[in-house]
Amino acid sequence: MIRWLTGSPQIPPLGFPKTFSLEFVHGCQTGYTCRPTTSTRDITIKLPVHLDSENLMEEMLLSAILESYGFGLGSCKLY
């Protein structure tokens, strides 16, 4: 999850330069299930407010993590 949130495969020895933050996203289109997203620049996770059950939140979060590609790192792993 650190890789998905920060773009880094591990926690740097001196820690991250910024604190992690959380934003709630409003305004997703009706009938769509948006996934959580991240901003690696600001180290922010953005959670859609329409994910109104624990099961749906877990499903969408795992989907976002496992299916993400970027920074030349390939698919993210949960460990």
Protein backbone atom coordinates (compact mmCIF):
# COMPACT_ATOMS: atom_id res chain seq x y z
CA MET A 1 0.00 0.00 0.00
CA ILE A 2 2.92 2.38 0.62
CA ARG A 3 3.94 2.05 -3.03
CA TRP A 4 0.40 2.85 -4.19
CA LEU A 5 0.13 5.87 -1.90
CA THR A 6 3.62 7.34 -2.27
CA GLY A 7 5.21 5.85 -5.38
CA SER A 8 8.02 4.54 -3.16
CA PRO A 9 8.54 0.79 -2.67
CA GLN A 10 9.50 1.30 0.99
CA ILE A 11 9.58 3.85 3.77
CA PRO A 12 12.69 6.06 3.39
CA PRO A 13 15.20 5.86 6.29
CA LEU A 14 14.38 9.44 7.37
CA GLY A 15 10.66 9.03 6.75
CA PHE A 16 8.49 10.87 4.25
CA PRO A 17 8.87 14.65 3.83
CA LYS A 18 5.13 15.27 4.34
CA THR A 19 2.41 13.81 6.51
CA PHE A 20 -0.21 11.62 4.88
CA SER A 21 -3.63 13.19 4.37
CA LEU A 22 -7.13 12.03 3.54
CA GLU A 23 -9.72 13.72 1.32
CA PHE A 24 -13.31 12.74 0.69
CA VAL A 25 -14.48 13.03 -2.91
CA HIS A 26 -18.02 14.20 -3.67
CA GLY A 27 -19.76 14.43 -7.02
CA CYS A 28 -19.13 11.04 -8.61
CA GLN A 29 -21.55 10.35 -11.45
CA THR A 30 -24.73 8.48 -10.56
CA GLY A 31 -24.50 4.78 -11.42
CA TYR A 32 -20.69 4.68 -11.32
CA THR A 33 -18.53 3.19 -8.59
CA CYS A 34 -15.39 5.28 -8.36
CA ARG A 35 -12.22 3.85 -6.88
CA PRO A 36 -10.07 5.46 -4.24
CA THR A 37 -7.14 7.38 -5.77
CA THR A 38 -3.90 8.86 -4.52
CA SER A 39 -1.76 11.89 -5.12
CA THR A 40 1.83 10.80 -4.63
CA ARG A 41 3.00 14.42 -4.77
CA ASP A 42 0.91 15.43 -1.77
CA ILE A 43 0.79 11.94 -0.21
CA THR A 44 -2.99 12.09 -0.16
CA ILE A 45 -5.54 9.31 -0.44
CA LYS A 46 -8.89 10.35 -1.90
CA LEU A 47 -11.93 8.30 -0.93
CA PRO A 48 -15.28 8.58 -2.74
CA VAL A 49 -18.07 9.25 -0.24
CA HIS A 50 -20.52 6.97 -2.07
CA LEU A 51 -18.59 3.88 -0.92
CA ASP A 52 -21.12 3.38 1.85
CA SER A 53 -20.31 -0.10 3.11
CA GLU A 54 -17.18 -1.67 4.52
CA ASN A 55 -17.31 -4.47 1.94
CA LEU A 56 -17.60 -2.08 -1.02
CA MET A 57 -14.80 0.13 0.36
CA GLU A 58 -12.52 -2.89 0.81
CA GLU A 59 -13.34 -4.20 -2.69
CA MET A 60 -12.67 -0.84 -4.37
CA LEU A 61 -9.51 -0.15 -2.34
CA LEU A 62 -8.04 -3.58 -3.09
CA SER A 63 -8.96 -3.20 -6.75
CA ALA A 64 -7.27 0.21 -6.93
CA ILE A 65 -4.11 -1.11 -5.29
CA LEU A 66 -3.80 -4.42 -7.12
CA GLU A 67 -4.60 -3.03 -10.57
CA SER A 68 -2.42 0.08 -10.40
CA TYR A 69 0.58 0.56 -12.60
CA GLY A 70 2.96 3.46 -12.54
CA PHE A 71 6.46 4.72 -11.88
CA GLY A 72 7.79 1.71 -13.82
CA LEU A 73 7.04 -0.48 -10.80
CA GLY A 74 4.49 -2.82 -12.38
CA SER A 75 1.57 -4.15 -10.40
CA CYS A 76 1.53 -3.25 -6.72
CA LYS A 77 1.67 -5.93 -4.06
CA LEU A 78 0.07 -5.84 -0.65
CA TYR A 79 3.20 -6.74 1.32
